[in-house]
Amino acid sequence: MQRSRRAFVAGLATLGISASLAAVGTALPARAEEEAKPKAVTLTGTLVCLGCDFKKAHGAAAQCSVYGHKHALKTKKGRYYTFLENAKSEPLIKGETLHGKQVEVKGVVFPGSQVLEVQELKILGK
C-alpha cells in the first residue's frame, strides 16, 4: 500500500510538471512569433556619427577622416539606431546637413536589431 501511494504521488508530480511544460511551450511560440515581426516606432534623438561618439566616450579606434562618418540616431536613453538604406533615410545616413540635430523618426525596427527603416522624418531643431 505504501508503495502504491508513492507511485501515485510521483505520478501526480510528473503530470504537474508535464502540464506546466505544455503551458510554457504554448506560450513561447506566440511570444517568439510576436518578437519576429518588425515593430512600428516613433523615436526622437540626435543624429550622431557612431565612430566619433564611440571614440569620444570610449576611446574607440574609429577613423572617420579615412572611412567617413557612419550616422545613427542616439536616443535620450543612449541607444543607437542605425538606418536601413532607402530614399527616406538618405539625409540621415549622409548626415551632412542634419549632423547634431534633434530629429523625430517614424518607421519600423526589425527583430533582433536596432536597425530602423525610416518612413517619416521630422527635424526638431538644434
N, C-alpha and C. Protein backbone atom coordinates (compact mmCIF):
# COMPACT_ATOMS: atom_id res chain seq x y z
N MET A 1 0.82 -1.18 0.00
CA MET A 1 0.00 0.00 0.00
C MET A 1 0.87 1.26 0.00
N GLN A 2 1.91 1.25 0.82
CA GLN A 2 2.82 2.38 0.92
C GLN A 2 3.47 2.66 -0.43
N ARG A 3 3.83 1.63 -1.13
CA ARG A 3 4.49 1.75 -2.42
C ARG A 3 3.55 2.34 -3.45
N SER A 4 2.31 1.92 -3.50
CA SER A 4 1.37 2.42 -4.49
C SER A 4 1.04 3.90 -4.22
N ARG A 5 1.04 4.31 -2.95
CA ARG A 5 0.80 5.71 -2.63
C ARG A 5 1.95 6.57 -3.15
N ARG A 6 3.19 6.09 -2.99
CA ARG A 6 4.36 6.80 -3.51
C ARG A 6 4.30 6.89 -5.02
N ALA A 7 3.93 5.81 -5.65
CA ALA A 7 3.81 5.80 -7.11
C ALA A 7 2.74 6.78 -7.57
N PHE A 8 1.63 6.82 -6.83
CA PHE A 8 0.54 7.73 -7.16
C PHE A 8 1.01 9.19 -7.05
N VAL A 9 1.69 9.53 -5.94
CA VAL A 9 2.19 10.89 -5.73
C VAL A 9 3.24 11.24 -6.79
N ALA A 10 4.12 10.31 -7.10
CA ALA A 10 5.13 10.55 -8.13
C ALA A 10 4.47 10.77 -9.48
N GLY A 11 3.43 10.01 -9.75
CA GLY A 11 2.69 10.18 -11.00
C GLY A 11 2.04 11.55 -11.09
N LEU A 12 1.46 12.02 -9.99
CA LEU A 12 0.86 13.36 -9.97
C LEU A 12 1.92 14.44 -10.19
N ALA A 13 3.07 14.27 -9.58
CA ALA A 13 4.14 15.24 -9.74
C ALA A 13 4.60 15.30 -11.19
N THR A 14 4.75 14.14 -11.80
CA THR A 14 5.15 14.08 -13.21
C THR A 14 4.10 14.73 -14.09
N LEU A 15 2.84 14.46 -13.80
CA LEU A 15 1.74 15.05 -14.56
C LEU A 15 1.74 16.57 -14.41
N GLY A 16 2.00 17.05 -13.21
CA GLY A 16 2.06 18.51 -12.97
C GLY A 16 3.19 19.16 -13.74
N ILE A 17 4.34 18.52 -13.75
CA ILE A 17 5.48 19.05 -14.50
C ILE A 17 5.17 19.05 -15.99
N SER A 18 4.59 17.98 -16.48
CA SER A 18 4.23 17.89 -17.90
C SER A 18 3.24 18.97 -18.28
N ALA A 19 2.23 19.20 -17.42
CA ALA A 19 1.23 20.23 -17.70
C ALA A 19 1.87 21.61 -17.70
N SER A 20 2.80 21.85 -16.77
CA SER A 20 3.49 23.14 -16.71
C SER A 20 4.32 23.35 -17.96
N LEU A 21 5.04 22.33 -18.37
CA LEU A 21 5.86 22.44 -19.58
C LEU A 21 5.01 22.66 -20.82
N ALA A 22 3.88 22.00 -20.87
CA ALA A 22 2.98 22.17 -22.01
C ALA A 22 2.46 23.60 -22.06
N ALA A 23 2.13 24.17 -20.91
CA ALA A 23 1.64 25.55 -20.87
C ALA A 23 2.73 26.52 -21.30
N VAL A 24 3.95 26.31 -20.83
CA VAL A 24 5.06 27.16 -21.22
C VAL A 24 5.34 27.00 -22.70
N GLY A 25 5.30 25.79 -23.18
CA GLY A 25 5.56 25.51 -24.58
C GLY A 25 4.60 26.21 -25.51
N THR A 26 3.35 26.33 -25.13
CA THR A 26 2.39 27.02 -26.00
C THR A 26 2.55 28.53 -25.91
N ALA A 27 3.03 29.04 -24.79
CA ALA A 27 3.20 30.48 -24.66
C ALA A 27 4.43 30.97 -25.41
N LEU A 28 5.48 30.19 -25.45
CA LEU A 28 6.72 30.62 -26.08
C LEU A 28 6.60 30.88 -27.58
N PRO A 29 6.01 29.99 -28.36
CA PRO A 29 5.91 30.28 -29.79
C PRO A 29 5.13 31.55 -30.09
N ALA A 30 4.08 31.83 -29.34
CA ALA A 30 3.31 33.05 -29.57
C ALA A 30 4.18 34.28 -29.32
N ARG A 31 4.95 34.25 -28.25
CA ARG A 31 5.83 35.37 -27.94
C ARG A 31 6.95 35.47 -28.97
N ALA A 32 7.54 34.35 -29.35
CA ALA A 32 8.60 34.35 -30.35
C ALA A 32 8.07 34.87 -31.68
N GLU A 33 6.85 34.48 -32.02
CA GLU A 33 6.24 34.95 -33.26
C GLU A 33 6.02 36.46 -33.21
N GLU A 34 5.59 36.96 -32.04
CA GLU A 34 5.38 38.39 -31.87
C GLU A 34 6.70 39.14 -32.00
N GLU A 35 7.77 38.62 -31.42
CA GLU A 35 9.08 39.25 -31.48
C GLU A 35 9.71 39.15 -32.86
N ALA A 36 9.24 38.23 -33.69
CA ALA A 36 9.79 38.03 -35.02
C ALA A 36 9.21 39.00 -36.04
N LYS A 37 8.29 39.86 -35.62
CA LYS A 37 7.69 40.83 -36.53
C LYS A 37 8.34 42.19 -36.35
N PRO A 38 8.51 42.94 -37.44
CA PRO A 38 9.00 44.31 -37.31
C PRO A 38 8.06 45.13 -36.43
N LYS A 39 8.62 46.07 -35.68
CA LYS A 39 7.84 46.86 -34.72
C LYS A 39 7.80 48.32 -35.18
N ALA A 40 6.59 48.86 -35.31
CA ALA A 40 6.42 50.27 -35.66
C ALA A 40 6.82 51.13 -34.46
N VAL A 41 7.63 52.16 -34.71
CA VAL A 41 8.13 53.02 -33.64
C VAL A 41 8.14 54.48 -34.07
N THR A 42 8.16 55.35 -33.09
CA THR A 42 8.47 56.76 -33.27
C THR A 42 9.59 57.06 -32.30
N LEU A 43 10.75 57.42 -32.83
CA LEU A 43 11.93 57.65 -32.00
C LEU A 43 12.40 59.09 -32.14
N THR A 44 12.82 59.66 -31.02
CA THR A 44 13.35 61.02 -31.01
C THR A 44 14.77 60.95 -30.47
N GLY A 45 15.65 61.71 -31.11
CA GLY A 45 17.03 61.73 -30.64
C GLY A 45 17.88 62.66 -31.47
N THR A 46 19.18 62.50 -31.34
CA THR A 46 20.15 63.33 -32.03
C THR A 46 20.86 62.51 -33.08
N LEU A 47 21.07 63.11 -34.26
CA LEU A 47 21.83 62.42 -35.30
C LEU A 47 23.31 62.59 -34.99
N VAL A 48 24.00 61.46 -34.80
CA VAL A 48 25.41 61.47 -34.42
C VAL A 48 26.19 60.53 -35.33
N CYS A 49 27.50 60.70 -35.33
CA CYS A 49 28.39 59.75 -36.00
C CYS A 49 28.77 58.69 -34.96
N LEU A 50 28.54 57.43 -35.30
CA LEU A 50 28.88 56.34 -34.36
C LEU A 50 30.35 56.35 -33.99
N GLY A 51 31.22 56.45 -34.99
CA GLY A 51 32.66 56.41 -34.74
C GLY A 51 33.12 57.55 -33.85
N CYS A 52 32.69 58.75 -34.17
CA CYS A 52 33.08 59.93 -33.37
C CYS A 52 32.56 59.82 -31.94
N ASP A 53 31.29 59.39 -31.79
CA ASP A 53 30.72 59.25 -30.45
C ASP A 53 31.45 58.19 -29.62
N PHE A 54 31.72 57.04 -30.23
CA PHE A 54 32.39 55.96 -29.50
C PHE A 54 33.85 56.31 -29.22
N LYS A 55 34.48 57.05 -30.11
CA LYS A 55 35.86 57.47 -29.89
C LYS A 55 35.92 58.42 -28.70
N LYS A 56 35.00 59.38 -28.66
CA LYS A 56 34.97 60.37 -27.58
C LYS A 56 34.61 59.72 -26.23
N ALA A 57 33.60 58.85 -26.23
CA ALA A 57 33.11 58.26 -24.98
C ALA A 57 33.93 57.07 -24.49
N HIS A 58 34.49 56.28 -25.42
CA HIS A 58 35.10 55.01 -25.02
C HIS A 58 36.50 54.79 -25.59
N GLY A 59 37.03 55.76 -26.30
CA GLY A 59 38.37 55.60 -26.85
C GLY A 59 38.44 54.65 -28.03
N ALA A 60 37.34 54.49 -28.76
CA ALA A 60 37.33 53.60 -29.92
C ALA A 60 38.34 54.08 -30.96
N ALA A 61 38.86 53.16 -31.73
CA ALA A 61 39.86 53.47 -32.74
C ALA A 61 39.22 53.83 -34.08
N ALA A 62 38.14 54.57 -34.03
CA ALA A 62 37.44 54.96 -35.26
C ALA A 62 38.31 55.91 -36.08
N GLN A 63 38.22 55.77 -37.40
CA GLN A 63 38.97 56.63 -38.31
C GLN A 63 38.01 57.26 -39.31
N CYS A 64 37.15 58.11 -38.81
CA CYS A 64 36.13 58.73 -39.65
C CYS A 64 36.74 59.59 -40.75
N SER A 65 37.90 60.18 -40.49
CA SER A 65 38.54 61.00 -41.52
C SER A 65 39.02 60.14 -42.69
N VAL A 66 39.23 58.86 -42.46
CA VAL A 66 39.66 57.95 -43.52
C VAL A 66 38.47 57.26 -44.18
N TYR A 67 37.56 56.72 -43.35
CA TYR A 67 36.47 55.87 -43.85
C TYR A 67 35.12 56.57 -43.95
N GLY A 68 35.03 57.78 -43.45
CA GLY A 68 33.78 58.51 -43.48
C GLY A 68 32.96 58.30 -42.21
N HIS A 69 32.00 59.17 -42.02
CA HIS A 69 31.13 59.11 -40.85
C HIS A 69 30.00 58.11 -41.08
N LYS A 70 29.64 57.39 -40.04
CA LYS A 70 28.51 56.45 -40.06
C LYS A 70 27.47 57.00 -39.09
N HIS A 71 26.45 57.62 -39.63
CA HIS A 71 25.46 58.29 -38.78
C HIS A 71 24.41 57.33 -38.25
N ALA A 72 23.94 57.67 -37.04
CA ALA A 72 22.91 56.88 -36.36
C ALA A 72 22.09 57.83 -35.50
N LEU A 73 20.94 57.36 -35.08
CA LEU A 73 20.09 58.11 -34.17
C LEU A 73 20.44 57.69 -32.75
N LYS A 74 20.79 58.68 -31.91
CA LYS A 74 21.08 58.40 -30.50
C LYS A 74 19.93 58.96 -29.67
N THR A 75 19.23 58.07 -28.94
CA THR A 75 18.09 58.49 -28.13
C THR A 75 18.58 59.06 -26.79
N LYS A 76 17.66 59.66 -26.05
CA LYS A 76 18.00 60.22 -24.73
C LYS A 76 18.48 59.14 -23.78
N LYS A 77 18.02 57.90 -23.98
CA LYS A 77 18.45 56.78 -23.14
C LYS A 77 19.82 56.25 -23.54
N GLY A 78 20.42 56.82 -24.58
CA GLY A 78 21.75 56.41 -25.01
C GLY A 78 21.78 55.23 -25.97
N ARG A 79 20.63 54.85 -26.51
CA ARG A 79 20.58 53.76 -27.50
C ARG A 79 20.84 54.32 -28.89
N TYR A 80 21.56 53.55 -29.67
CA TYR A 80 21.87 53.94 -31.04
C TYR A 80 21.05 53.09 -32.01
N TYR A 81 20.46 53.74 -33.00
CA TYR A 81 19.72 53.06 -34.05
C TYR A 81 20.35 53.43 -35.38
N THR A 82 20.73 52.42 -36.14
CA THR A 82 21.25 52.65 -37.49
C THR A 82 20.10 52.59 -38.47
N PHE A 83 20.35 53.03 -39.69
CA PHE A 83 19.28 53.18 -40.66
C PHE A 83 19.42 52.18 -41.80
N LEU A 84 18.30 51.59 -42.18
CA LEU A 84 18.24 50.79 -43.39
C LEU A 84 18.26 51.78 -44.54
N GLU A 85 19.09 51.53 -45.52
CA GLU A 85 19.24 52.48 -46.61
C GLU A 85 18.02 52.47 -47.52
N ASN A 86 17.40 53.64 -47.64
CA ASN A 86 16.33 53.87 -48.60
C ASN A 86 16.28 55.37 -48.87
N ALA A 87 15.39 55.79 -49.76
CA ALA A 87 15.33 57.20 -50.14
C ALA A 87 15.02 58.11 -48.94
N LYS A 88 14.19 57.64 -48.01
CA LYS A 88 13.80 58.47 -46.87
C LYS A 88 14.90 58.56 -45.80
N SER A 89 15.79 57.59 -45.76
CA SER A 89 16.86 57.63 -44.76
C SER A 89 18.13 58.30 -45.29
N GLU A 90 18.17 58.59 -46.57
CA GLU A 90 19.39 59.15 -47.18
C GLU A 90 19.91 60.40 -46.47
N PRO A 91 19.04 61.39 -46.14
CA PRO A 91 19.58 62.57 -45.44
C PRO A 91 20.14 62.25 -44.05
N LEU A 92 19.64 61.21 -43.42
CA LEU A 92 20.14 60.80 -42.11
C LEU A 92 21.47 60.06 -42.25
N ILE A 93 21.56 59.21 -43.24
CA ILE A 93 22.79 58.43 -43.44
C ILE A 93 23.93 59.34 -43.85
N LYS A 94 23.68 60.22 -44.80
CA LYS A 94 24.74 61.14 -45.24
C LYS A 94 25.05 62.12 -44.13
N GLY A 95 24.03 62.63 -43.47
CA GLY A 95 24.19 63.44 -42.27
C GLY A 95 24.83 64.80 -42.42
N GLU A 96 25.19 65.20 -43.64
CA GLU A 96 25.91 66.47 -43.79
C GLU A 96 25.14 67.66 -43.22
N THR A 97 23.85 67.73 -43.47
CA THR A 97 23.08 68.89 -43.02
C THR A 97 22.37 68.64 -41.68
N LEU A 98 22.24 67.39 -41.29
CA LEU A 98 21.48 67.07 -40.07
C LEU A 98 22.35 66.66 -38.88
N HIS A 99 23.66 66.54 -39.08
CA HIS A 99 24.55 66.10 -38.00
C HIS A 99 24.36 66.99 -36.77
N GLY A 100 24.13 66.36 -35.61
CA GLY A 100 23.97 67.07 -34.35
C GLY A 100 22.57 67.62 -34.11
N LYS A 101 21.68 67.44 -35.07
CA LYS A 101 20.32 67.97 -34.93
C LYS A 101 19.39 66.97 -34.25
N GLN A 102 18.39 67.52 -33.56
CA GLN A 102 17.34 66.70 -32.95
C GLN A 102 16.34 66.35 -34.04
N VAL A 103 16.01 65.07 -34.12
CA VAL A 103 15.06 64.61 -35.13
C VAL A 103 14.06 63.64 -34.51
N GLU A 104 12.92 63.53 -35.18
CA GLU A 104 11.92 62.52 -34.83
C GLU A 104 11.77 61.64 -36.05
N VAL A 105 11.89 60.34 -35.85
CA VAL A 105 11.82 59.40 -36.95
C VAL A 105 10.71 58.39 -36.68
N LYS A 106 9.83 58.25 -37.66
CA LYS A 106 8.80 57.21 -37.59
C LYS A 106 9.21 56.14 -38.58
N GLY A 107 9.05 54.90 -38.14
CA GLY A 107 9.43 53.80 -39.02
C GLY A 107 9.24 52.46 -38.36
N VAL A 108 10.07 51.53 -38.76
CA VAL A 108 9.98 50.15 -38.31
C VAL A 108 11.35 49.69 -37.84
N VAL A 109 11.40 49.06 -36.66
CA VAL A 109 12.64 48.42 -36.17
C VAL A 109 12.49 46.92 -36.40
N PHE A 110 13.51 46.32 -36.96
CA PHE A 110 13.46 44.91 -37.30
C PHE A 110 13.86 44.04 -36.12
N PRO A 111 13.27 42.84 -36.03
CA PRO A 111 13.52 41.93 -34.90
C PRO A 111 15.00 41.62 -34.73
N GLY A 112 15.41 41.56 -33.48
CA GLY A 112 16.78 41.19 -33.14
C GLY A 112 17.80 42.26 -33.52
N SER A 113 17.33 43.49 -33.75
CA SER A 113 18.25 44.54 -34.18
C SER A 113 17.83 45.89 -33.63
N GLN A 114 18.64 46.87 -33.91
CA GLN A 114 18.29 48.26 -33.70
C GLN A 114 18.47 48.97 -35.04
N VAL A 115 18.00 48.28 -36.08
CA VAL A 115 18.03 48.82 -37.44
C VAL A 115 16.65 49.40 -37.73
N LEU A 116 16.64 50.65 -38.15
CA LEU A 116 15.41 51.40 -38.35
C LEU A 116 15.18 51.66 -39.83
N GLU A 117 14.00 51.26 -40.31
CA GLU A 117 13.58 51.60 -41.66
C GLU A 117 12.77 52.89 -41.54
N VAL A 118 13.28 53.96 -42.11
CA VAL A 118 12.66 55.27 -41.97
C VAL A 118 11.46 55.38 -42.90
N GLN A 119 10.34 55.83 -42.32
CA GLN A 119 9.13 56.10 -43.11
C GLN A 119 8.82 57.59 -43.13
N GLU A 120 9.10 58.26 -42.01
CA GLU A 120 8.89 59.71 -41.91
C GLU A 120 10.02 60.33 -41.09
N LEU A 121 10.40 61.54 -41.46
CA LEU A 121 11.46 62.26 -40.77
C LEU A 121 10.98 63.67 -40.47
N LYS A 122 11.20 64.09 -39.21
CA LYS A 122 10.85 65.46 -38.81
C LYS A 122 12.05 66.05 -38.09
N ILE A 123 12.50 67.20 -38.52
CA ILE A 123 13.62 67.89 -37.89
C ILE A 123 13.06 68.75 -36.76
N LEU A 124 13.57 68.56 -35.54
CA LEU A 124 13.04 69.25 -34.37
C LEU A 124 13.81 70.49 -34.02
N GLY A 125 15.02 70.59 -34.43
CA GLY A 125 15.82 71.78 -34.12
C GLY A 125 17.23 71.43 -33.74
N LYS A 126 17.89 72.41 -33.10
CA LYS A 126 19.30 72.36 -32.67
C LYS A 126 20.20 71.92 -33.77
